Amino acid sequence: MVGISELSKTVSKRTNTTQRVARNVIKHFLDTIVSEADKGSKINLAGFGIFERRKQSARKARNPQTKKIIDVPAKKKFVFRASSKVKYR
């Protein structure tokens, strides 16, 4: 698995900046995507994909250990749909 530290090393080398600057840019970029999605926006990065929040309705589910039916409340999910350029690479 690759984390922000590894990404910042690669980005800093490619852009001739420090790892600290690259890490801050990556963190701010990700924070901006999440905050815009929380506002209800779809974030479309051409050639990469779309980020958005979707509402998942309340539903009934079964606890696999007890076999008992439970109520699962509605929630908002963070969703990413990859573009075909990323999917079929």
PDB file of N, CA and C in Angstrom:
ATOM      1  N   MET A   1       0.839  -1.170   0.000  1.00  0.00           N
ATOM      2  CA  MET A   1       0.000   0.000   0.000  1.00  0.00           C
ATOM      3  C   MET A   1       0.889   1.240   0.000  1.00  0.00           C
ATOM      4  N   VAL A   2       0.495   2.225  -0.746  1.00  0.00           N
ATOM      5  CA  VAL A   2       1.240   3.479  -0.846  1.00  0.00           C
ATOM      6  C   VAL A   2       0.502   4.544  -0.045  1.00  0.00           C
ATOM      7  N   GLY A   3       1.221   5.251   0.806  1.00  0.00           N
ATOM      8  CA  GLY A   3       0.627   6.310   1.620  1.00  0.00           C
ATOM      9  C   GLY A   3       1.046   7.686   1.135  1.00  0.00           C
ATOM     10  N   ILE A   4       0.636   8.694   1.878  1.00  0.00           N
ATOM     11  CA  ILE A   4       0.942  10.074   1.505  1.00  0.00           C
ATOM     12  C   ILE A   4       2.449  10.318   1.508  1.00  0.00           C
ATOM     13  N   SER A   5       3.170   9.686   2.426  1.00  0.00           N
ATOM     14  CA  SER A   5       4.624   9.877   2.479  1.00  0.00           C
ATOM     15  C   SER A   5       5.290   9.417   1.185  1.00  0.00           C
ATOM     16  N   GLU A   6       4.887   8.241   0.703  1.00  0.00           N
ATOM     17  CA  GLU A   6       5.471   7.722  -0.534  1.00  0.00           C
ATOM     18  C   GLU A   6       5.054   8.570  -1.734  1.00  0.00           C
ATOM     19  N   LEU A   7       3.788   8.983  -1.752  1.00  0.00           N
ATOM     20  CA  LEU A   7       3.324   9.848  -2.834  1.00  0.00           C
ATOM     21  C   LEU A   7       4.072  11.179  -2.836  1.00  0.00           C
ATOM     22  N   SER A   8       4.280  11.738  -1.649  1.00  0.00           N
ATOM     23  CA  SER A   8       4.957  13.030  -1.572  1.00  0.00           C
ATOM     24  C   SER A   8       6.410  12.930  -2.038  1.00  0.00           C
ATOM     25  N   LYS A   9       7.053  11.783  -1.824  1.00  0.00           N
ATOM     26  CA  LYS A   9       8.422  11.597  -2.325  1.00  0.00           C
ATOM     27  C   LYS A   9       8.434  11.650  -3.849  1.00  0.00           C
ATOM     28  N   THR A  10       7.509  10.922  -4.466  1.00  0.00           N
ATOM     29  CA  THR A  10       7.440  10.881  -5.925  1.00  0.00           C
ATOM     30  C   THR A  10       7.087  12.245  -6.499  1.00  0.00           C
ATOM     31  N   VAL A  11       6.086  12.893  -5.909  1.00  0.00           N
ATOM     32  CA  VAL A  11       5.653  14.209  -6.408  1.00  0.00           C
ATOM     33  C   VAL A  11       6.772  15.234  -6.237  1.00  0.00           C
ATOM     34  N   SER A  12       7.474  15.190  -5.121  1.00  0.00           N
ATOM     35  CA  SER A  12       8.545  16.164  -4.892  1.00  0.00           C
ATOM     36  C   SER A  12       9.676  15.998  -5.907  1.00  0.00           C
ATOM     37  N   LYS A  13       9.993  14.759  -6.270  1.00  0.00           N
ATOM     38  CA  LYS A  13      11.032  14.523  -7.275  1.00  0.00           C
ATOM     39  C   LYS A  13      10.600  15.024  -8.646  1.00  0.00           C
ATOM     40  N   ARG A  14       9.332  14.750  -9.010  1.00  0.00           N
ATOM     41  CA  ARG A  14       8.839  15.142 -10.335  1.00  0.00           C
ATOM     42  C   ARG A  14       8.642  16.646 -10.479  1.00  0.00           C
ATOM     43  N   THR A  15       8.406  17.335  -9.363  1.00  0.00           N
ATOM     44  CA  THR A  15       8.112  18.772  -9.440  1.00  0.00           C
ATOM     45  C   THR A  15       9.227  19.645  -8.888  1.00  0.00           C
ATOM     46  N   ASN A  16      10.329  19.047  -8.500  1.00  0.00           N
ATOM     47  CA  ASN A  16      11.453  19.797  -7.934  1.00  0.00           C
ATOM     48  C   ASN A  16      11.049  20.652  -6.735  1.00  0.00           C
ATOM     49  N   THR A  17      10.275  20.070  -5.824  1.00  0.00           N
ATOM     50  CA  THR A  17       9.911  20.732  -4.579  1.00  0.00           C
ATOM     51  C   THR A  17      10.335  19.840  -3.423  1.00  0.00           C
ATOM     52  N   THR A  18      10.126  20.326  -2.226  1.00  0.00           N
ATOM     53  CA  THR A  18      10.453  19.516  -1.058  1.00  0.00           C
ATOM     54  C   THR A  18       9.305  18.543  -0.774  1.00  0.00           C
ATOM     55  N   GLN A  19       9.623  17.520  -0.008  1.00  0.00           N
ATOM     56  CA  GLN A  19       8.586  16.554   0.375  1.00  0.00           C
ATOM     57  C   GLN A  19       7.517  17.218   1.230  1.00  0.00           C
ATOM     58  N   ARG A  20       7.906  18.169   2.050  1.00  0.00           N
ATOM     59  CA  ARG A  20       6.948  18.868   2.910  1.00  0.00           C
ATOM     60  C   ARG A  20       5.931  19.640   2.070  1.00  0.00           C
ATOM     61  N   VAL A  21       6.406  20.334   1.046  1.00  0.00           N
ATOM     62  CA  VAL A  21       5.508  21.084   0.164  1.00  0.00           C
ATOM     63  C   VAL A  21       4.587  20.123  -0.579  1.00  0.00           C
ATOM     64  N   ALA A  22       5.143  19.060  -1.109  1.00  0.00           N
ATOM     65  CA  ALA A  22       4.344  18.076  -1.841  1.00  0.00           C
ATOM     66  C   ALA A  22       3.292  17.444  -0.934  1.00  0.00           C
ATOM     67  N   ARG A  23       3.665  17.097   0.290  1.00  0.00           N
ATOM     68  CA  ARG A  23       2.725  16.491   1.244  1.00  0.00           C
ATOM     69  C   ARG A  23       1.596  17.462   1.570  1.00  0.00           C
ATOM     70  N   ASN A  24       1.924  18.747   1.776  1.00  0.00           N
ATOM     71  CA  ASN A  24       0.896  19.741   2.069  1.00  0.00           C
ATOM     72  C   ASN A  24      -0.059  19.924   0.901  1.00  0.00           C
ATOM     73  N   VAL A  25       0.459  19.932  -0.315  1.00  0.00           N
ATOM     74  CA  VAL A  25      -0.397  20.066  -1.498  1.00  0.00           C
ATOM     75  C   VAL A  25      -1.336  18.869  -1.610  1.00  0.00           C
ATOM     76  N   ILE A  26      -0.811  17.663  -1.414  1.00  0.00           N
ATOM     77  CA  ILE A  26      -1.635  16.452  -1.495  1.00  0.00           C
ATOM     78  C   ILE A  26      -2.724  16.487  -0.432  1.00  0.00           C
ATOM     79  N   LYS A  27      -2.364  16.819   0.808  1.00  0.00           N
ATOM     80  CA  LYS A  27      -3.346  16.864   1.899  1.00  0.00           C
ATOM     81  C   LYS A  27      -4.434  17.897   1.627  1.00  0.00           C
ATOM     82  N   HIS A  28      -4.039  19.095   1.180  1.00  0.00           N
ATOM     83  CA  HIS A  28      -5.025  20.142   0.891  1.00  0.00           C
ATOM     84  C   HIS A  28      -5.916  19.743  -0.282  1.00  0.00           C
ATOM     85  N   PHE A  29      -5.345  19.100  -1.274  1.00  0.00           N
ATOM     86  CA  PHE A  29      -6.119  18.625  -2.426  1.00  0.00           C
ATOM     87  C   PHE A  29      -7.186  17.629  -1.974  1.00  0.00           C
ATOM     88  N   LEU A  30      -6.794  16.652  -1.174  1.00  0.00           N
ATOM     89  CA  LEU A  30      -7.740  15.643  -0.694  1.00  0.00           C
ATOM     90  C   LEU A  30      -8.799  16.258   0.217  1.00  0.00           C
ATOM     91  N   ASP A  31      -8.393  17.173   1.092  1.00  0.00           N
ATOM     92  CA  ASP A  31      -9.347  17.854   1.972  1.00  0.00           C
ATOM     93  C   ASP A  31     -10.372  18.643   1.165  1.00  0.00           C
ATOM     94  N   THR A  32      -9.914  19.281   0.090  1.00  0.00           N
ATOM     95  CA  THR A  32     -10.809  20.055  -0.767  1.00  0.00           C
ATOM     96  C   THR A  32     -11.809  19.146  -1.469  1.00  0.00           C
ATOM     97  N   ILE A  33     -11.370  18.006  -1.954  1.00  0.00           N
ATOM     98  CA  ILE A  33     -12.279  17.055  -2.603  1.00  0.00           C
ATOM     99  C   ILE A  33     -13.366  16.609  -1.626  1.00  0.00           C
ATOM    100  N   VAL A  34     -12.982  16.256  -0.407  1.00  0.00           N
ATOM    101  CA  VAL A  34     -13.954  15.791   0.584  1.00  0.00           C
ATOM    102  C   VAL A  34     -14.914  16.914   0.972  1.00  0.00           C
ATOM    103  N   SER A  35     -14.406  18.119   1.195  1.00  0.00           N
ATOM    104  CA  SER A  35     -15.290  19.216   1.608  1.00  0.00           C
ATOM    105  C   SER A  35     -16.263  19.599   0.498  1.00  0.00           C
ATOM    106  N   GLU A  36     -15.825  19.579  -0.762  1.00  0.00           N
ATOM    107  CA  GLU A  36     -16.733  19.873  -1.871  1.00  0.00           C
ATOM    108  C   GLU A  36     -17.786  18.787  -2.023  1.00  0.00           C
ATOM    109  N   ALA A  37     -17.401  17.542  -1.834  1.00  0.00           N
ATOM    110  CA  ALA A  37     -18.371  16.440  -1.901  1.00  0.00           C
ATOM    111  C   ALA A  37     -19.383  16.559  -0.760  1.00  0.00           C
ATOM    112  N   ASP A  38     -18.932  16.984   0.420  1.00  0.00           N
ATOM    113  CA  ASP A  38     -19.837  17.170   1.554  1.00  0.00           C
ATOM    114  C   ASP A  38     -20.862  18.266   1.280  1.00  0.00           C
ATOM    115  N   LYS A  39     -20.500  19.237   0.439  1.00  0.00           N
ATOM    116  CA  LYS A  39     -21.426  20.318   0.073  1.00  0.00           C
ATOM    117  C   LYS A  39     -22.431  19.873  -0.985  1.00  0.00           C
ATOM    118  N   GLY A  40     -22.255  18.677  -1.527  1.00  0.00           N
ATOM    119  CA  GLY A  40     -23.177  18.170  -2.534  1.00  0.00           C
ATOM    120  C   GLY A  40     -22.653  18.261  -3.955  1.00  0.00           C
ATOM    121  N   SER A  41     -21.425  18.687  -4.124  1.00  0.00           N
ATOM    122  CA  SER A  41     -20.840  18.802  -5.460  1.00  0.00           C
ATOM    123  C   SER A  41     -20.288  17.469  -5.934  1.00  0.00           C
ATOM    124  N   LYS A  42     -20.291  17.302  -7.262  1.00  0.00           N
ATOM    125  CA  LYS A  42     -19.576  16.182  -7.871  1.00  0.00           C
ATOM    126  C   LYS A  42     -18.246  16.742  -8.355  1.00  0.00           C
ATOM    127  N   ILE A  43     -17.171  16.070  -8.027  1.00  0.00           N
ATOM    128  CA  ILE A  43     -15.845  16.522  -8.434  1.00  0.00           C
ATOM    129  C   ILE A  43     -15.396  15.636  -9.579  1.00  0.00           C
ATOM    130  N   ASN A  44     -15.309  16.228 -10.772  1.00  0.00           N
ATOM    131  CA  ASN A  44     -14.951  15.481 -11.973  1.00  0.00           C
ATOM    132  C   ASN A  44     -13.515  15.821 -12.364  1.00  0.00           C
ATOM    133  N   LEU A  45     -12.628  14.855 -12.229  1.00  0.00           N
ATOM    134  CA  LEU A  45     -11.245  15.011 -12.670  1.00  0.00           C
ATOM    135  C   LEU A  45     -11.137  14.287 -14.008  1.00  0.00           C
ATOM    136  N   ALA A  46     -11.127  15.063 -15.079  1.00  0.00           N
ATOM    137  CA  ALA A  46     -11.155  14.499 -16.433  1.00  0.00           C
ATOM    138  C   ALA A  46     -10.035  13.486 -16.626  1.00  0.00           C
ATOM    139  N   GLY A  47     -10.399  12.322 -17.140  1.00  0.00           N
ATOM    140  CA  GLY A  47      -9.432  11.270 -17.389  1.00  0.00           C
ATOM    141  C   GLY A  47      -9.085  10.452 -16.160  1.00  0.00           C
ATOM    142  N   PHE A  48      -9.654  10.811 -15.002  1.00  0.00           N
ATOM    143  CA  PHE A  48      -9.370  10.080 -13.770  1.00  0.00           C
ATOM    144  C   PHE A  48     -10.643   9.503 -13.163  1.00  0.00           C
ATOM    145  N   GLY A  49     -11.627  10.362 -12.862  1.00  0.00           N
ATOM    146  CA  GLY A  49     -12.879   9.863 -12.304  1.00  0.00           C
ATOM    147  C   GLY A  49     -13.675  10.941 -11.621  1.00  0.00           C
ATOM    148  N   ILE A  50     -14.764  10.512 -10.962  1.00  0.00           N
ATOM    149  CA  ILE A  50     -15.692  11.416 -10.301  1.00  0.00           C
ATOM    150  C   ILE A  50     -15.809  11.015  -8.830  1.00  0.00           C
ATOM    151  N   PHE A  51     -15.702  12.011  -7.953  1.00  0.00           N
ATOM    152  CA  PHE A  51     -15.904  11.835  -6.518  1.00  0.00           C
ATOM    153  C   PHE A  51     -17.222  12.482  -6.153  1.00  0.00           C
ATOM    154  N   GLU A  52     -17.998  11.829  -5.252  1.00  0.00           N
ATOM    155  CA  GLU A  52     -19.249  12.426  -4.797  1.00  0.00           C
ATOM    156  C   GLU A  52     -19.733  11.739  -3.526  1.00  0.00           C
ATOM    157  N   ARG A  53     -20.682  12.395  -2.847  1.00  0.00           N
ATOM    158  CA  ARG A  53     -21.384  11.796  -1.710  1.00  0.00           C
ATOM    159  C   ARG A  53     -22.737  11.327  -2.212  1.00  0.00           C
ATOM    160  N   ARG A  54     -23.120  10.119  -1.844  1.00  0.00           N
ATOM    161  CA  ARG A  54     -24.428   9.577  -2.213  1.00  0.00           C
ATOM    162  C   ARG A  54     -25.161   9.155  -0.956  1.00  0.00           C
ATOM    163  N   LYS A  55     -26.477   9.373  -0.964  1.00  0.00           N
ATOM    164  CA  LYS A  55     -27.291   8.961   0.165  1.00  0.00           C
ATOM    165  C   LYS A  55     -27.653   7.487   0.011  1.00  0.00           C
ATOM    166  N   GLN A  56     -27.418   6.717   1.059  1.00  0.00           N
ATOM    167  CA  GLN A  56     -27.830   5.322   1.081  1.00  0.00           C
ATOM    168  C   GLN A  56     -29.028   5.229   2.014  1.00  0.00           C
ATOM    169  N   SER A  57     -30.126   4.713   1.510  1.00  0.00           N
ATOM    170  CA  SER A  57     -31.361   4.626   2.280  1.00  0.00           C
ATOM    171  C   SER A  57     -31.223   3.664   3.449  1.00  0.00           C
ATOM    172  N   ALA A  58     -32.099   3.858   4.436  1.00  0.00           N
ATOM    173  CA  ALA A  58     -32.159   2.922   5.556  1.00  0.00           C
ATOM    174  C   ALA A  58     -32.622   1.568   5.026  1.00  0.00           C
ATOM    175  N   ARG A  59     -32.172   0.504   5.690  1.00  0.00           N
ATOM    176  CA  ARG A  59     -32.529  -0.827   5.207  1.00  0.00           C
ATOM    177  C   ARG A  59     -32.503  -1.814   6.361  1.00  0.00           C
ATOM    178  N   LYS A  60     -32.973  -2.993   6.090  1.00  0.00           N
ATOM    179  CA  LYS A  60     -32.919  -4.076   7.071  1.00  0.00           C
ATOM    180  C   LYS A  60     -31.808  -5.031   6.637  1.00  0.00           C
ATOM    181  N   ALA A  61     -31.080  -5.560   7.615  1.00  0.00           N
ATOM    182  CA  ALA A  61     -29.999  -6.496   7.327  1.00  0.00           C
ATOM    183  C   ALA A  61     -30.027  -7.607   8.370  1.00  0.00           C
ATOM    184  N   ARG A  62     -29.299  -8.660   8.095  1.00  0.00           N
ATOM    185  CA  ARG A  62     -29.245  -9.784   9.021  1.00  0.00           C
ATOM    186  C   ARG A  62     -27.848  -9.866   9.629  1.00  0.00           C
ATOM    187  N   ASN A  63     -27.812  -9.966  10.961  1.00  0.00           N
ATOM    188  CA  ASN A  63     -26.559 -10.169  11.663  1.00  0.00           C
ATOM    189  C   ASN A  63     -26.116 -11.608  11.389  1.00  0.00           C
ATOM    190  N   PRO A  64     -24.953 -11.814  10.760  1.00  0.00           N
ATOM    191  CA  PRO A  64     -24.550 -13.169  10.388  1.00  0.00           C
ATOM    192  C   PRO A  64     -24.262 -14.089  11.585  1.00  0.00           C
ATOM    193  N   GLN A  65     -23.941 -13.515  12.733  1.00  0.00           N
ATOM    194  CA  GLN A  65     -23.650 -14.348  13.898  1.00  0.00           C
ATOM    195  C   GLN A  65     -24.918 -14.811  14.605  1.00  0.00           C
ATOM    196  N   THR A  66     -25.875 -13.876  14.764  1.00  0.00           N
ATOM    197  CA  THR A  66     -27.087 -14.208  15.524  1.00  0.00           C
ATOM    198  C   THR A  66     -28.278 -14.505  14.627  1.00  0.00           C
ATOM    199  N   LYS A  67     -28.155 -14.233  13.341  1.00  0.00           N
ATOM    200  CA  LYS A  67     -29.233 -14.396  12.353  1.00  0.00           C
ATOM    201  C   LYS A  67     -30.423 -13.465  12.619  1.00  0.00           C
ATOM    202  N   LYS A  68     -30.242 -12.499  13.501  1.00  0.00           N
ATOM    203  CA  LYS A  68     -31.299 -11.573  13.867  1.00  0.00           C
ATOM    204  C   LYS A  68     -31.374 -10.432  12.844  1.00  0.00           C
ATOM    205  N   ILE A  69     -32.586  -9.977  12.516  1.00  0.00           N
ATOM    206  CA  ILE A  69     -32.781  -8.852  11.599  1.00  0.00           C
ATOM    207  C   ILE A  69     -32.539  -7.559  12.369  1.00  0.00           C
ATOM    208  N   ILE A  70     -31.727  -6.674  11.779  1.00  0.00           N
ATOM    209  CA  ILE A  70     -31.442  -5.382  12.408  1.00  0.00           C
ATOM    210  C   ILE A  70     -31.752  -4.262  11.427  1.00  0.00           C
ATOM    211  N   ASP A  71     -32.008  -3.075  11.958  1.00  0.00           N
ATOM    212  CA  ASP A  71     -32.244  -1.888  11.142  1.00  0.00           C
ATOM    213  C   ASP A  71     -30.916  -1.159  10.949  1.00  0.00           C
ATOM    214  N   VAL A  72     -30.569  -0.878   9.705  1.00  0.00           N
ATOM    215  CA  VAL A  72     -29.367  -0.116   9.386  1.00  0.00           C
ATOM    216  C   VAL A  72     -29.833   1.283   8.997  1.00  0.00           C
ATOM    217  N   PRO A  73     -29.375   2.319   9.694  1.00  0.00           N
ATOM    218  CA  PRO A  73     -29.853   3.672   9.402  1.00  0.00           C
ATOM    219  C   PRO A  73     -29.336   4.202   8.068  1.00  0.00           C
ATOM    220  N   ALA A  74     -29.999   5.228   7.556  1.00  0.00           N
ATOM    221  CA  ALA A  74     -29.549   5.888   6.325  1.00  0.00           C
ATOM    222  C   ALA A  74     -28.213   6.568   6.595  1.00  0.00           C
ATOM    223  N   LYS A  75     -27.405   6.673   5.553  1.00  0.00           N
ATOM    224  CA  LYS A  75     -26.112   7.348   5.706  1.00  0.00           C
ATOM    225  C   LYS A  75     -25.664   7.890   4.359  1.00  0.00           C
ATOM    226  N   LYS A  76     -24.668   8.774   4.404  1.00  0.00           N
ATOM    227  CA  LYS A  76     -24.088   9.309   3.184  1.00  0.00           C
ATOM    228  C   LYS A  76     -22.751   8.621   2.959  1.00  0.00           C
ATOM    229  N   LYS A  77     -22.573   8.082   1.762  1.00  0.00           N
ATOM    230  CA  LYS A  77     -21.349   7.371   1.417  1.00  0.00           C
ATOM    231  C   LYS A  77     -20.493   8.224   0.492  1.00  0.00           C
ATOM    232  N   PHE A  78     -19.192   8.115   0.635  1.00  0.00           N
ATOM    233  CA  PHE A  78     -18.259   8.778  -0.265  1.00  0.00           C
ATOM    234  C   PHE A  78     -17.949   7.793  -1.379  1.00  0.00           C
ATOM    235  N   VAL A  79     -18.184   8.205  -2.638  1.00  0.00           N
ATOM    236  CA  VAL A  79     -18.092   7.296  -3.772  1.00  0.00           C
ATOM    237  C   VAL A  79     -17.106   7.852  -4.811  1.00  0.00           C
ATOM    238  N   PHE A  80     -16.347   6.944  -5.395  1.00  0.00           N
ATOM    239  CA  PHE A  80     -15.457   7.290  -6.511  1.00  0.00           C
ATOM    240  C   PHE A  80     -15.782   6.382  -7.675  1.00  0.00           C
ATOM    241  N   ARG A  81     -16.014   6.988  -8.846  1.00  0.00           N
ATOM    242  CA  ARG A  81     -16.218   6.215 -10.079  1.00  0.00           C
ATOM    243  C   ARG A  81     -15.053   6.525 -11.008  1.00  0.00           C
ATOM    244  N   ALA A  82     -14.274   5.523 -11.311  1.00  0.00           N
ATOM    245  CA  ALA A  82     -13.109   5.693 -12.177  1.00  0.00           C
ATOM    246  C   ALA A  82     -13.537   5.897 -13.619  1.00  0.00           C
ATOM    247  N   SER A  83     -12.788   6.726 -14.335  1.00  0.00           N
ATOM    248  CA  SER A  83     -13.062   6.914 -15.750  1.00  0.00           C
ATOM    249  C   SER A  83     -12.596   5.683 -16.524  1.00  0.00           C
ATOM    250  N   SER A  84     -13.066   5.562 -17.748  1.00  0.00           N
ATOM    251  CA  SER A  84     -12.675   4.397 -18.545  1.00  0.00           C
ATOM    252  C   SER A  84     -11.178   4.392 -18.835  1.00  0.00           C
ATOM    253  N   LYS A  85     -10.546   5.567 -18.837  1.00  0.00           N
ATOM    254  CA  LYS A  85      -9.100   5.628 -19.069  1.00  0.00           C
ATOM    255  C   LYS A  85      -8.346   4.960 -17.921  1.00  0.00           C
ATOM    256  N   VAL A  86      -8.882   5.060 -16.713  1.00  0.00           N
ATOM    257  CA  VAL A  86      -8.243   4.451 -15.547  1.00  0.00           C
ATOM    258  C   VAL A  86      -8.636   2.978 -15.442  1.00  0.00           C
ATOM    259  N   LYS A  87      -9.907   2.671 -15.707  1.00  0.00           N
ATOM    260  CA  LYS A  87     -10.395   1.290 -15.579  1.00  0.00           C
ATOM    261  C   LYS A  87      -9.690   0.325 -16.503  1.00  0.00           C
ATOM    262  N   TYR A  88      -9.512   0.718 -17.750  1.00  0.00           N
ATOM    263  CA  TYR A  88      -9.021  -0.208 -18.767  1.00  0.00           C
ATOM    264  C   TYR A  88      -7.588   0.096 -19.180  1.00  0.00           C
ATOM    265  N   ARG A  89      -6.798   0.467 -18.250  1.00  0.00           N
ATOM    266  CA  ARG A  89      -5.409   0.814 -18.531  1.00  0.00           C
ATOM    267  C   ARG A  89      -4.539  -0.401 -18.543  1.00  0.00           C
TER     268      ARG A  89
END
